[in-house]
Amino acid sequence: MNHNSNWIEKAKKEVAKAAIKHVEDGFIVGLGSGSTLAYAIKELGEKIKKEKIDIWGIPSSYQAFLLATKYGIKITTFEEHPIINLTIDGADQIDPQLNLIKGMGGAFTREKIVASASKINIIIADENKKVTNLGDGDHPVPIEVLPFALSLVKNQIELIGGKIVIREGTGKVGPVITDNGNAIIDASFGVIKNPKELNKKLKLITGVIETGLFIDSTDIVYLGKPTHIEKIEKK
């Protein structure tokens, strides 16, 4: 199998097109974040122009907001539309039960809020994101933390077996600050046999705002492969 980046970029475009087919006139659409979602937002903007349909977007990050406005997608809020018809988002890891690790782009708290308000959640990714278990390859779980509680949270996560890295910025010195003004801890737990239980333990730690474990929220996954797209639906 050819693992070069050419087929991956092509696969991202194809899964974006597949997801956009679910969007109908009058829909409120949750817009995730990340490189694959950039293709989906562009495709959605083109669909709106071509089909002359009325779509409103609720972006999960400043990146998604800027892309949506760039491609002519009207923006709305939860105050105006508390229920979302459909959300399209990406993932960092996807297990066979369609549980996810998300958040390497840092927008997972808002992405989870948007997903929880959505009737249908569609995840788009290339096939490299599919794993046997979450945490395979020692992939970390991103955790958004109130800065005041950083030391406390760090100690508590270490007590339940997590290896901690406080996420640092690449364009600036110091920790990454989320759109919500918080810090991010990347915690590795090795292979996660029970993601639901781990999510519960992490959420009970005072100072943890949200985790990058998305449990039982995904309805459809489109996985891009070198030659075709695989559609996986929730059992």
C-alpha atoms as a PDB file:
ATOM      1  CA  MET A   1       0.000   0.000   0.000  1.00  0.00           C
ATOM      2  CA  ASN A   2       1.262   3.447  -0.869  1.00  0.00           C
ATOM      3  CA  HIS A   3       1.640   5.448   2.338  1.00  0.00           C
ATOM      4  CA  ASN A   4       2.813   8.705   0.804  1.00  0.00           C
ATOM      5  CA  SER A   5       1.034  11.950   1.621  1.00  0.00           C
ATOM      6  CA  ASN A   6      -0.508  12.281  -1.859  1.00  0.00           C
ATOM      7  CA  TRP A   7      -3.153   9.612  -1.323  1.00  0.00           C
ATOM      8  CA  ILE A   8      -3.837  10.904   2.208  1.00  0.00           C
ATOM      9  CA  GLU A   9      -4.644  14.427   0.964  1.00  0.00           C
ATOM     10  CA  LYS A  10      -6.813  12.950  -1.812  1.00  0.00           C
ATOM     11  CA  ALA A  11      -8.544  10.683   0.741  1.00  0.00           C
ATOM     12  CA  LYS A  12      -9.281  13.683   2.972  1.00  0.00           C
ATOM     13  CA  LYS A  13     -10.972  15.459   0.053  1.00  0.00           C
ATOM     14  CA  GLU A  14     -13.047  12.368  -0.823  1.00  0.00           C
ATOM     15  CA  VAL A  15     -14.316  11.768   2.740  1.00  0.00           C
ATOM     16  CA  ALA A  16     -15.168  15.485   2.983  1.00  0.00           C
ATOM     17  CA  LYS A  17     -17.296  15.198  -0.180  1.00  0.00           C
ATOM     18  CA  ALA A  18     -19.024  12.056   1.191  1.00  0.00           C
ATOM     19  CA  ALA A  19     -19.917  13.774   4.478  1.00  0.00           C
ATOM     20  CA  ILE A  20     -21.253  16.911   2.778  1.00  0.00           C
ATOM     21  CA  LYS A  21     -23.829  14.791   0.881  1.00  0.00           C
ATOM     22  CA  HIS A  22     -25.715  14.424   4.194  1.00  0.00           C
ATOM     23  CA  VAL A  23     -26.275  18.197   4.455  1.00  0.00           C
ATOM     24  CA  GLU A  24     -29.713  19.420   3.364  1.00  0.00           C
ATOM     25  CA  ASP A  25     -31.326  22.818   2.804  1.00  0.00           C
ATOM     26  CA  GLY A  26     -32.165  24.540   6.094  1.00  0.00           C
ATOM     27  CA  PHE A  27     -29.666  22.502   8.140  1.00  0.00           C
ATOM     28  CA  ILE A  28     -27.728  23.819  11.121  1.00  0.00           C
ATOM     29  CA  VAL A  29     -24.285  22.228  10.754  1.00  0.00           C
ATOM     30  CA  GLY A  30     -21.668  21.813  13.475  1.00  0.00           C
ATOM     31  CA  LEU A  31     -18.198  22.469  12.070  1.00  0.00           C
ATOM     32  CA  GLY A  32     -15.266  20.624  13.617  1.00  0.00           C
ATOM     33  CA  SER A  33     -11.626  21.646  13.385  1.00  0.00           C
ATOM     34  CA  GLY A  34      -8.429  20.396  11.784  1.00  0.00           C
ATOM     35  CA  SER A  35      -6.899  19.697   8.385  1.00  0.00           C
ATOM     36  CA  THR A  36      -9.552  17.222   7.163  1.00  0.00           C
ATOM     37  CA  LEU A  37     -12.320  19.581   8.263  1.00  0.00           C
ATOM     38  CA  ALA A  38     -10.776  22.391   6.239  1.00  0.00           C
ATOM     39  CA  TYR A  39     -11.679  20.348   3.136  1.00  0.00           C
ATOM     40  CA  ALA A  40     -15.223  19.735   4.437  1.00  0.00           C
ATOM     41  CA  ILE A  41     -15.830  23.431   5.150  1.00  0.00           C
ATOM     42  CA  LYS A  42     -14.596  24.334   1.649  1.00  0.00           C
ATOM     43  CA  GLU A  43     -16.873  21.643   0.106  1.00  0.00           C
ATOM     44  CA  LEU A  44     -19.824  22.912   2.144  1.00  0.00           C
ATOM     45  CA  GLY A  45     -19.248  26.473   0.936  1.00  0.00           C
ATOM     46  CA  GLU A  46     -19.203  25.231  -2.675  1.00  0.00           C
ATOM     47  CA  LYS A  47     -22.390  23.185  -2.131  1.00  0.00           C
ATOM     48  CA  ILE A  48     -24.197  26.260  -0.743  1.00  0.00           C
ATOM     49  CA  LYS A  49     -23.198  28.327  -3.807  1.00  0.00           C
ATOM     50  CA  LYS A  50     -23.940  25.623  -6.364  1.00  0.00           C
ATOM     51  CA  GLU A  51     -27.287  24.406  -4.968  1.00  0.00           C
ATOM     52  CA  LYS A  52     -28.362  27.832  -3.609  1.00  0.00           C
ATOM     53  CA  ILE A  53     -29.331  26.304  -0.268  1.00  0.00           C
ATOM     54  CA  ASP A  54     -29.654  27.940   3.144  1.00  0.00           C
ATOM     55  CA  ILE A  55     -27.169  26.516   5.678  1.00  0.00           C
ATOM     56  CA  TRP A  56     -25.975  27.898   9.004  1.00  0.00           C
ATOM     57  CA  GLY A  57     -22.758  26.783  10.695  1.00  0.00           C
ATOM     58  CA  ILE A  58     -21.784  26.553  14.358  1.00  0.00           C
ATOM     59  CA  PRO A  59     -17.950  26.494  14.416  1.00  0.00           C
ATOM     60  CA  SER A  60     -16.095  24.648  17.183  1.00  0.00           C
ATOM     61  CA  SER A  61     -12.975  26.828  17.024  1.00  0.00           C
ATOM     62  CA  TYR A  62     -11.641  30.139  15.783  1.00  0.00           C
ATOM     63  CA  GLN A  63      -9.986  28.232  12.898  1.00  0.00           C
ATOM     64  CA  ALA A  64     -13.369  26.775  11.843  1.00  0.00           C
ATOM     65  CA  PHE A  65     -14.999  30.217  12.206  1.00  0.00           C
ATOM     66  CA  LEU A  66     -12.421  31.856   9.901  1.00  0.00           C
ATOM     67  CA  LEU A  67     -12.731  29.084   7.288  1.00  0.00           C
ATOM     68  CA  ALA A  68     -16.543  29.192   7.386  1.00  0.00           C
ATOM     69  CA  THR A  69     -16.625  32.952   6.798  1.00  0.00           C
ATOM     70  CA  LYS A  70     -13.986  32.613   4.054  1.00  0.00           C
ATOM     71  CA  TYR A  71     -16.164  30.100   2.168  1.00  0.00           C
ATOM     72  CA  GLY A  72     -19.432  31.996   2.618  1.00  0.00           C
ATOM     73  CA  ILE A  73     -21.071  29.859   5.308  1.00  0.00           C
ATOM     74  CA  LYS A  74     -23.390  31.886   7.538  1.00  0.00           C
ATOM     75  CA  ILE A  75     -22.553  31.641  11.251  1.00  0.00           C
ATOM     76  CA  THR A  76     -25.070  31.113  14.038  1.00  0.00           C
ATOM     77  CA  THR A  77     -24.989  30.388  17.788  1.00  0.00           C
ATOM     78  CA  PHE A  78     -26.439  27.916  20.314  1.00  0.00           C
ATOM     79  CA  GLU A  79     -28.654  30.730  21.611  1.00  0.00           C
ATOM     80  CA  GLU A  80     -30.385  30.888  18.215  1.00  0.00           C
ATOM     81  CA  HIS A  81     -30.169  27.160  17.380  1.00  0.00           C
ATOM     82  CA  PRO A  82     -29.660  24.912  20.425  1.00  0.00           C
ATOM     83  CA  ILE A  83     -30.163  21.739  18.342  1.00  0.00           C
ATOM     84  CA  ILE A  84     -27.773  20.947  15.481  1.00  0.00           C
ATOM     85  CA  ASN A  85     -28.944  18.769  12.562  1.00  0.00           C
ATOM     86  CA  LEU A  86     -25.525  17.404  11.718  1.00  0.00           C
ATOM     87  CA  THR A  87     -21.912  17.790  12.828  1.00  0.00           C
ATOM     88  CA  ILE A  88     -18.880  16.917  10.711  1.00  0.00           C
ATOM     89  CA  ASP A  89     -15.561  16.515  12.492  1.00  0.00           C
ATOM     90  CA  GLY A  90     -12.226  14.699  12.329  1.00  0.00           C
ATOM     91  CA  ALA A  91     -10.460  12.365  14.785  1.00  0.00           C
ATOM     92  CA  ASP A  92      -6.964  11.379  15.866  1.00  0.00           C
ATOM     93  CA  GLN A  93      -7.884   7.765  16.675  1.00  0.00           C
ATOM     94  CA  ILE A  94     -11.039   5.705  16.022  1.00  0.00           C
ATOM     95  CA  ASP A  95     -11.667   2.304  17.656  1.00  0.00           C
ATOM     96  CA  PRO A  96     -14.012  -0.482  16.362  1.00  0.00           C
ATOM     97  CA  GLN A  97     -16.860   0.812  18.609  1.00  0.00           C
ATOM     98  CA  LEU A  98     -16.400   4.287  17.016  1.00  0.00           C
ATOM     99  CA  ASN A  99     -15.059   5.788  20.242  1.00  0.00           C
ATOM    100  CA  LEU A 100     -12.506   8.501  19.512  1.00  0.00           C
ATOM    101  CA  ILE A 101      -9.462  10.325  20.731  1.00  0.00           C
ATOM    102  CA  LYS A 102      -9.635  13.912  19.536  1.00  0.00           C
ATOM    103  CA  GLY A 103      -7.916  17.138  20.417  1.00  0.00           C
ATOM    104  CA  MET A 104      -4.421  17.218  18.957  1.00  0.00           C
ATOM    105  CA  GLY A 105      -5.588  20.511  17.394  1.00  0.00           C
ATOM    106  CA  GLY A 106      -6.658  21.761  20.819  1.00  0.00           C
ATOM    107  CA  ALA A 107     -10.360  22.439  20.136  1.00  0.00           C
ATOM    108  CA  PHE A 108     -11.845  19.268  21.682  1.00  0.00           C
ATOM    109  CA  THR A 109     -13.925  20.892  24.466  1.00  0.00           C
ATOM    110  CA  ARG A 110     -15.943  22.977  22.014  1.00  0.00           C
ATOM    111  CA  GLU A 111     -16.004  20.058  19.555  1.00  0.00           C
ATOM    112  CA  LYS A 112     -17.555  17.869  22.276  1.00  0.00           C
ATOM    113  CA  ILE A 113     -20.162  20.527  23.118  1.00  0.00           C
ATOM    114  CA  VAL A 114     -21.104  20.811  19.432  1.00  0.00           C
ATOM    115  CA  ALA A 115     -21.235  16.984  19.089  1.00  0.00           C
ATOM    116  CA  SER A 116     -23.462  16.623  22.170  1.00  0.00           C
ATOM    117  CA  ALA A 117     -25.997  19.088  20.693  1.00  0.00           C
ATOM    118  CA  SER A 118     -26.038  17.310  17.329  1.00  0.00           C
ATOM    119  CA  LYS A 119     -28.641  14.813  16.063  1.00  0.00           C
ATOM    120  CA  ILE A 120     -26.048  13.090  13.840  1.00  0.00           C
ATOM    121  CA  ASN A 121     -22.260  13.090  14.182  1.00  0.00           C
ATOM    122  CA  ILE A 122     -20.132  12.233  11.154  1.00  0.00           C
ATOM    123  CA  ILE A 123     -16.391  11.667  11.523  1.00  0.00           C
ATOM    124  CA  ILE A 124     -14.077  11.930   8.523  1.00  0.00           C
ATOM    125  CA  ALA A 125     -10.479  10.682   8.534  1.00  0.00           C
ATOM    126  CA  ASP A 126      -7.874   8.728   6.608  1.00  0.00           C
ATOM    127  CA  GLU A 127      -7.523   5.012   7.386  1.00  0.00           C
ATOM    128  CA  ASN A 128      -4.369   5.569   9.494  1.00  0.00           C
ATOM    129  CA  LYS A 129      -6.659   6.918  12.247  1.00  0.00           C
ATOM    130  CA  LYS A 130      -8.388   3.516  12.683  1.00  0.00           C
ATOM    131  CA  VAL A 131      -6.937   1.525  15.607  1.00  0.00           C
ATOM    132  CA  THR A 132      -7.657  -1.709  17.492  1.00  0.00           C
ATOM    133  CA  ASN A 133      -7.701   0.146  20.832  1.00  0.00           C
ATOM    134  CA  LEU A 134      -7.602   3.825  21.719  1.00  0.00           C
ATOM    135  CA  GLY A 135      -4.140   4.655  23.002  1.00  0.00           C
ATOM    136  CA  ASP A 136      -2.402   2.320  20.531  1.00  0.00           C
ATOM    137  CA  GLY A 137       1.123   3.537  19.800  1.00  0.00           C
ATOM    138  CA  ASP A 138       1.044   5.302  23.191  1.00  0.00           C
ATOM    139  CA  HIS A 139      -1.183   7.994  21.684  1.00  0.00           C
ATOM    140  CA  PRO A 140      -1.987  10.575  24.392  1.00  0.00           C
ATOM    141  CA  VAL A 141      -5.396  11.714  25.595  1.00  0.00           C
ATOM    142  CA  PRO A 142      -5.620  15.541  25.471  1.00  0.00           C
ATOM    143  CA  ILE A 143      -7.104  17.032  28.651  1.00  0.00           C
ATOM    144  CA  GLU A 144      -8.183  20.675  28.976  1.00  0.00           C
ATOM    145  CA  VAL A 145      -7.296  22.035  32.409  1.00  0.00           C
ATOM    146  CA  LEU A 146      -7.985  25.229  34.317  1.00  0.00           C
ATOM    147  CA  PRO A 147      -4.505  26.864  34.601  1.00  0.00           C
ATOM    148  CA  PHE A 148      -4.964  27.467  38.368  1.00  0.00           C
ATOM    149  CA  ALA A 149      -5.377  23.690  38.882  1.00  0.00           C
ATOM    150  CA  LEU A 150      -2.532  22.503  36.635  1.00  0.00           C
ATOM    151  CA  SER A 151      -0.264  21.088  39.378  1.00  0.00           C
ATOM    152  CA  LEU A 152      -3.165  19.417  41.182  1.00  0.00           C
ATOM    153  CA  VAL A 153      -4.502  17.836  38.010  1.00  0.00           C
ATOM    154  CA  LYS A 154      -1.030  16.694  36.958  1.00  0.00           C
ATOM    155  CA  ASN A 155      -0.563  14.852  40.280  1.00  0.00           C
ATOM    156  CA  GLN A 156      -4.017  13.255  40.143  1.00  0.00           C
ATOM    157  CA  ILE A 157      -3.516  11.993  36.577  1.00  0.00           C
ATOM    158  CA  GLU A 158      -0.146  10.499  37.518  1.00  0.00           C
ATOM    159  CA  LEU A 159      -1.864   8.656  40.407  1.00  0.00           C
ATOM    160  CA  ILE A 160      -4.163   6.870  37.928  1.00  0.00           C
ATOM    161  CA  GLY A 161      -1.210   5.872  35.720  1.00  0.00           C
ATOM    162  CA  GLY A 162      -0.953   8.691  33.191  1.00  0.00           C
ATOM    163  CA  LYS A 163       2.341   9.960  31.796  1.00  0.00           C
ATOM    164  CA  ILE A 164       2.080  13.737  31.526  1.00  0.00           C
ATOM    165  CA  VAL A 165       3.239  16.347  29.052  1.00  0.00           C
ATOM    166  CA  ILE A 166       1.972  19.937  29.330  1.00  0.00           C
ATOM    167  CA  ARG A 167       1.428  20.991  25.714  1.00  0.00           C
ATOM    168  CA  GLU A 168       3.792  23.753  24.619  1.00  0.00           C
ATOM    169  CA  GLY A 169       3.262  26.180  21.750  1.00  0.00           C
ATOM    170  CA  THR A 170       5.387  26.023  18.597  1.00  0.00           C
ATOM    171  CA  GLY A 171       4.886  29.644  17.555  1.00  0.00           C
ATOM    172  CA  LYS A 172       5.360  31.069  21.061  1.00  0.00           C
ATOM    173  CA  VAL A 173       7.167  30.219  24.270  1.00  0.00           C
ATOM    174  CA  GLY A 174       5.108  28.525  26.971  1.00  0.00           C
ATOM    175  CA  PRO A 175       2.009  26.358  27.177  1.00  0.00           C
ATOM    176  CA  VAL A 176      -0.693  26.195  24.519  1.00  0.00           C
ATOM    177  CA  ILE A 177      -3.766  28.204  25.567  1.00  0.00           C
ATOM    178  CA  THR A 178      -7.109  27.008  24.200  1.00  0.00           C
ATOM    179  CA  ASP A 179      -9.877  29.194  22.731  1.00  0.00           C
ATOM    180  CA  ASN A 180     -11.403  28.943  26.247  1.00  0.00           C
ATOM    181  CA  GLY A 181      -8.251  30.329  27.954  1.00  0.00           C
ATOM    182  CA  ASN A 182      -7.154  27.008  29.469  1.00  0.00           C
ATOM    183  CA  ALA A 183      -4.055  24.782  29.348  1.00  0.00           C
ATOM    184  CA  ILE A 184      -3.779  21.317  27.763  1.00  0.00           C
ATOM    185  CA  ILE A 185      -2.199  18.243  29.321  1.00  0.00           C
ATOM    186  CA  ASP A 186      -1.406  15.324  26.980  1.00  0.00           C
ATOM    187  CA  ALA A 187      -1.603  12.166  29.105  1.00  0.00           C
ATOM    188  CA  SER A 188      -0.493   8.739  27.844  1.00  0.00           C
ATOM    189  CA  PHE A 189      -2.062   5.642  29.399  1.00  0.00           C
ATOM    190  CA  GLY A 190      -0.850   3.034  26.901  1.00  0.00           C
ATOM    191  CA  VAL A 191      -3.601   0.832  25.442  1.00  0.00           C
ATOM    192  CA  ILE A 192      -6.969   2.013  26.817  1.00  0.00           C
ATOM    193  CA  LYS A 193      -9.120  -1.090  27.357  1.00  0.00           C
ATOM    194  CA  ASN A 194     -12.045   0.815  28.884  1.00  0.00           C
ATOM    195  CA  PRO A 195     -12.202   4.374  27.483  1.00  0.00           C
ATOM    196  CA  LYS A 196     -15.570   5.067  29.139  1.00  0.00           C
ATOM    197  CA  GLU A 197     -14.157   4.287  32.594  1.00  0.00           C
ATOM    198  CA  LEU A 198     -10.992   6.340  31.999  1.00  0.00           C
ATOM    199  CA  ASN A 199     -13.063   9.298  30.774  1.00  0.00           C
ATOM    200  CA  LYS A 200     -15.177   9.106  33.943  1.00  0.00           C
ATOM    201  CA  LYS A 201     -12.074   9.031  36.203  1.00  0.00           C
ATOM    202  CA  LEU A 202     -10.516  12.014  34.434  1.00  0.00           C
ATOM    203  CA  LYS A 203     -13.737  14.055  34.520  1.00  0.00           C
ATOM    204  CA  LEU A 204     -13.958  13.542  38.306  1.00  0.00           C
ATOM    205  CA  ILE A 205     -10.610  15.310  38.841  1.00  0.00           C
ATOM    206  CA  THR A 206     -11.235  18.864  40.060  1.00  0.00           C
ATOM    207  CA  GLY A 207      -9.825  21.341  37.552  1.00  0.00           C
ATOM    208  CA  VAL A 208     -10.337  19.119  34.501  1.00  0.00           C
ATOM    209  CA  ILE A 209     -12.596  20.960  32.058  1.00  0.00           C
ATOM    210  CA  GLU A 210     -12.917  18.213  29.410  1.00  0.00           C
ATOM    211  CA  THR A 211     -11.117  15.235  27.885  1.00  0.00           C
ATOM    212  CA  GLY A 212     -10.359  14.245  24.299  1.00  0.00           C
ATOM    213  CA  LEU A 213     -12.135  10.886  24.787  1.00  0.00           C
ATOM    214  CA  PHE A 214     -15.358  10.927  22.744  1.00  0.00           C
ATOM    215  CA  ILE A 215     -17.494   7.990  23.899  1.00  0.00           C
ATOM    216  CA  ASP A 216     -20.678   6.775  22.141  1.00  0.00           C
ATOM    217  CA  SER A 217     -21.103  10.041  20.224  1.00  0.00           C
ATOM    218  CA  THR A 218     -20.271   8.976  16.642  1.00  0.00           C
ATOM    219  CA  ASP A 219     -22.967   7.825  14.200  1.00  0.00           C
ATOM    220  CA  ILE A 220     -21.068   7.505  10.903  1.00  0.00           C
ATOM    221  CA  VAL A 221     -17.371   7.338  10.012  1.00  0.00           C
ATOM    222  CA  TYR A 222     -15.997   7.876   6.496  1.00  0.00           C
ATOM    223  CA  LEU A 223     -12.480   6.452   6.270  1.00  0.00           C
ATOM    224  CA  GLY A 224     -10.375   7.437   3.284  1.00  0.00           C
ATOM    225  CA  LYS A 225      -8.220   4.665   1.779  1.00  0.00           C
ATOM    226  CA  PRO A 226      -5.791   4.728  -1.175  1.00  0.00           C
ATOM    227  CA  THR A 227      -8.424   3.381  -3.598  1.00  0.00           C
ATOM    228  CA  HIS A 228     -11.845   3.958  -2.020  1.00  0.00           C
ATOM    229  CA  ILE A 229     -13.860   5.225   0.972  1.00  0.00           C
ATOM    230  CA  GLU A 230     -15.082   2.939   3.739  1.00  0.00           C
ATOM    231  CA  LYS A 231     -18.335   3.896   5.463  1.00  0.00           C
ATOM    232  CA  ILE A 232     -18.769   2.578   9.015  1.00  0.00           C
ATOM    233  CA  GLU A 233     -22.075   3.085  10.845  1.00  0.00           C
ATOM    234  CA  LYS A 234     -22.826   2.786  14.552  1.00  0.00           C
ATOM    235  CA  LYS A 235     -24.071  -0.726  15.351  1.00  0.00           C
END
